[in-house]
Amino acid sequence: MGRKPVAQCSLTARQQNALDCIIRYQRKHGRTRTIRELSELLGIKSQYGVVDYLNRLEAKGKIR
């Protein structure tokens, strides 16, 4: 009974919200938001915090 592989873990509500925002914007504009734009949109003061979100989404196989 080990841990689930990271890619099989579900997203937190905030991670899902961030992913939804990224997907909607990319579909509408054909590009992704900048780190600064995501920081403002998600209410995360630190740009490192946004990078951490992106890294976690990538580790879970949701973005690349």
N, C-alpha and C. Protein backbone atom coordinates (compact mmCIF):
# COMPACT_ATOMS: atom_id res chain seq x y z
N MET A 1 0.82 -1.19 0.00
CA MET A 1 0.00 0.00 0.00
C MET A 1 0.86 1.24 0.00
N GLY A 2 1.44 1.55 -1.13
CA GLY A 2 2.26 2.74 -1.23
C GLY A 2 1.44 3.95 -1.63
N ARG A 3 2.14 5.02 -1.85
CA ARG A 3 1.48 6.25 -2.30
C ARG A 3 1.10 6.13 -3.76
N LYS A 4 0.10 6.89 -4.15
CA LYS A 4 -0.29 6.96 -5.55
C LYS A 4 0.78 7.73 -6.31
N PRO A 5 1.03 7.37 -7.57
CA PRO A 5 1.90 8.20 -8.38
C PRO A 5 1.30 9.60 -8.47
N VAL A 6 2.15 10.61 -8.50
CA VAL A 6 1.68 11.99 -8.50
C VAL A 6 0.67 12.24 -9.61
N ALA A 7 0.88 11.67 -10.78
CA ALA A 7 0.00 11.90 -11.92
C ALA A 7 -1.42 11.40 -11.65
N GLN A 8 -1.61 10.49 -10.71
CA GLN A 8 -2.93 9.96 -10.40
C GLN A 8 -3.62 10.71 -9.27
N CYS A 9 -2.93 11.63 -8.63
CA CYS A 9 -3.51 12.39 -7.54
C CYS A 9 -4.51 13.41 -8.09
N SER A 10 -5.57 13.63 -7.33
CA SER A 10 -6.56 14.60 -7.77
C SER A 10 -6.05 16.01 -7.47
N LEU A 11 -6.66 16.98 -8.11
CA LEU A 11 -6.28 18.37 -7.91
C LEU A 11 -7.05 18.96 -6.74
N THR A 12 -6.42 19.90 -6.06
CA THR A 12 -7.14 20.67 -5.04
C THR A 12 -8.07 21.62 -5.77
N ALA A 13 -8.99 22.21 -5.06
CA ALA A 13 -9.93 23.16 -5.66
C ALA A 13 -9.19 24.35 -6.27
N ARG A 14 -8.17 24.83 -5.58
CA ARG A 14 -7.41 25.98 -6.11
C ARG A 14 -6.59 25.59 -7.34
N GLN A 15 -6.04 24.39 -7.34
CA GLN A 15 -5.30 23.93 -8.51
C GLN A 15 -6.25 23.77 -9.70
N GLN A 16 -7.44 23.24 -9.46
CA GLN A 16 -8.41 23.09 -10.53
C GLN A 16 -8.84 24.45 -11.07
N ASN A 17 -9.03 25.41 -10.18
CA ASN A 17 -9.38 26.77 -10.59
C ASN A 17 -8.28 27.37 -11.46
N ALA A 18 -7.04 27.21 -11.03
CA ALA A 18 -5.91 27.73 -11.81
C ALA A 18 -5.86 27.07 -13.18
N LEU A 19 -6.04 25.76 -13.23
CA LEU A 19 -6.02 25.03 -14.50
C LEU A 19 -7.15 25.51 -15.40
N ASP A 20 -8.35 25.69 -14.86
CA ASP A 20 -9.49 26.17 -15.64
C ASP A 20 -9.21 27.55 -16.22
N CYS A 21 -8.62 28.44 -15.43
CA CYS A 21 -8.28 29.79 -15.90
C CYS A 21 -7.26 29.73 -17.03
N ILE A 22 -6.27 28.88 -16.88
CA ILE A 22 -5.23 28.73 -17.90
C ILE A 22 -5.85 28.22 -19.20
N ILE A 23 -6.68 27.19 -19.12
CA ILE A 23 -7.29 26.58 -20.30
C ILE A 23 -8.21 27.57 -21.01
N ARG A 24 -9.09 28.25 -20.26
CA ARG A 24 -10.03 29.21 -20.87
C ARG A 24 -9.29 30.31 -21.62
N TYR A 25 -8.27 30.87 -20.97
CA TYR A 25 -7.53 31.97 -21.58
C TYR A 25 -6.80 31.50 -22.83
N GLN A 26 -6.18 30.33 -22.75
CA GLN A 26 -5.42 29.82 -23.89
C GLN A 26 -6.34 29.54 -25.08
N ARG A 27 -7.50 28.99 -24.83
CA ARG A 27 -8.45 28.72 -25.92
C ARG A 27 -8.94 30.01 -26.56
N LYS A 28 -9.17 31.02 -25.75
CA LYS A 28 -9.70 32.29 -26.26
C LYS A 28 -8.64 33.12 -26.99
N HIS A 29 -7.42 33.14 -26.47
CA HIS A 29 -6.38 34.05 -26.97
C HIS A 29 -5.25 33.35 -27.72
N GLY A 30 -5.19 32.03 -27.67
CA GLY A 30 -4.15 31.31 -28.38
C GLY A 30 -2.78 31.37 -27.73
N ARG A 31 -2.73 31.81 -26.51
CA ARG A 31 -1.48 31.86 -25.74
C ARG A 31 -1.82 31.74 -24.27
N THR A 32 -0.82 31.48 -23.47
CA THR A 32 -1.06 31.41 -22.03
C THR A 32 -0.76 32.76 -21.39
N ARG A 33 -1.29 32.94 -20.22
CA ARG A 33 -1.01 34.17 -19.46
C ARG A 33 0.43 34.13 -18.96
N THR A 34 0.95 35.30 -18.67
CA THR A 34 2.29 35.38 -18.08
C THR A 34 2.20 35.00 -16.61
N ILE A 35 3.35 34.76 -16.01
CA ILE A 35 3.42 34.45 -14.58
C ILE A 35 2.81 35.61 -13.78
N ARG A 36 3.13 36.82 -14.16
CA ARG A 36 2.61 38.00 -13.45
C ARG A 36 1.09 38.07 -13.58
N GLU A 37 0.56 37.82 -14.78
CA GLU A 37 -0.88 37.84 -14.99
C GLU A 37 -1.57 36.77 -14.14
N LEU A 38 -1.00 35.57 -14.12
CA LEU A 38 -1.56 34.50 -13.30
C LEU A 38 -1.52 34.86 -11.82
N SER A 39 -0.44 35.49 -11.41
CA SER A 39 -0.30 35.89 -10.02
C SER A 39 -1.44 36.82 -9.62
N GLU A 40 -1.72 37.81 -10.45
CA GLU A 40 -2.80 38.76 -10.17
C GLU A 40 -4.16 38.08 -10.23
N LEU A 41 -4.37 37.26 -11.23
CA LEU A 41 -5.65 36.58 -11.42
C LEU A 41 -5.98 35.64 -10.26
N LEU A 42 -5.00 34.90 -9.81
CA LEU A 42 -5.21 33.89 -8.78
C LEU A 42 -5.06 34.45 -7.36
N GLY A 43 -4.64 35.70 -7.25
CA GLY A 43 -4.47 36.31 -5.94
C GLY A 43 -3.28 35.75 -5.18
N ILE A 44 -2.24 35.38 -5.91
CA ILE A 44 -1.03 34.86 -5.30
C ILE A 44 0.02 35.96 -5.37
N LYS A 45 0.48 36.42 -4.22
CA LYS A 45 1.39 37.56 -4.19
C LYS A 45 2.75 37.26 -4.79
N SER A 46 3.25 36.07 -4.55
CA SER A 46 4.59 35.70 -5.00
C SER A 46 4.53 35.04 -6.37
N GLN A 47 5.39 35.49 -7.26
CA GLN A 47 5.46 34.83 -8.56
C GLN A 47 6.00 33.41 -8.40
N TYR A 48 6.82 33.18 -7.38
CA TYR A 48 7.29 31.83 -7.10
C TYR A 48 6.10 30.93 -6.77
N GLY A 49 5.10 31.47 -6.08
CA GLY A 49 3.91 30.70 -5.76
C GLY A 49 3.19 30.22 -7.00
N VAL A 50 3.15 31.06 -8.03
CA VAL A 50 2.54 30.67 -9.30
C VAL A 50 3.37 29.58 -9.96
N VAL A 51 4.68 29.73 -9.94
CA VAL A 51 5.56 28.72 -10.52
C VAL A 51 5.36 27.39 -9.80
N ASP A 52 5.19 27.45 -8.48
CA ASP A 52 4.94 26.23 -7.70
C ASP A 52 3.64 25.56 -8.16
N TYR A 53 2.58 26.35 -8.36
CA TYR A 53 1.32 25.81 -8.88
C TYR A 53 1.54 25.13 -10.21
N LEU A 54 2.25 25.82 -11.11
CA LEU A 54 2.49 25.28 -12.45
C LEU A 54 3.30 23.98 -12.37
N ASN A 55 4.29 23.96 -11.51
CA ASN A 55 5.10 22.74 -11.34
C ASN A 55 4.25 21.58 -10.84
N ARG A 56 3.35 21.87 -9.90
CA ARG A 56 2.49 20.82 -9.37
C ARG A 56 1.51 20.31 -10.43
N LEU A 57 0.96 21.23 -11.22
CA LEU A 57 0.06 20.83 -12.31
C LEU A 57 0.81 19.98 -13.34
N GLU A 58 2.05 20.35 -13.60
CA GLU A 58 2.86 19.57 -14.54
C GLU A 58 3.16 18.17 -13.98
N ALA A 59 3.50 18.13 -12.70
CA ALA A 59 3.82 16.84 -12.07
C ALA A 59 2.60 15.91 -12.07
N LYS A 60 1.42 16.50 -12.02
CA LYS A 60 0.18 15.71 -12.03
C LYS A 60 -0.29 15.41 -13.45
N GLY A 61 0.51 15.84 -14.45
CA GLY A 61 0.19 15.53 -15.82
C GLY A 61 -0.90 16.37 -16.44
N LYS A 62 -1.22 17.50 -15.84
CA LYS A 62 -2.30 18.35 -16.33
C LYS A 62 -1.84 19.39 -17.34
N ILE A 63 -0.59 19.80 -17.27
CA ILE A 63 -0.01 20.75 -18.23
C ILE A 63 1.40 20.26 -18.57
N ARG A 64 1.96 20.87 -19.59
CA ARG A 64 3.35 20.58 -19.92
C ARG A 64 4.04 21.83 -20.34
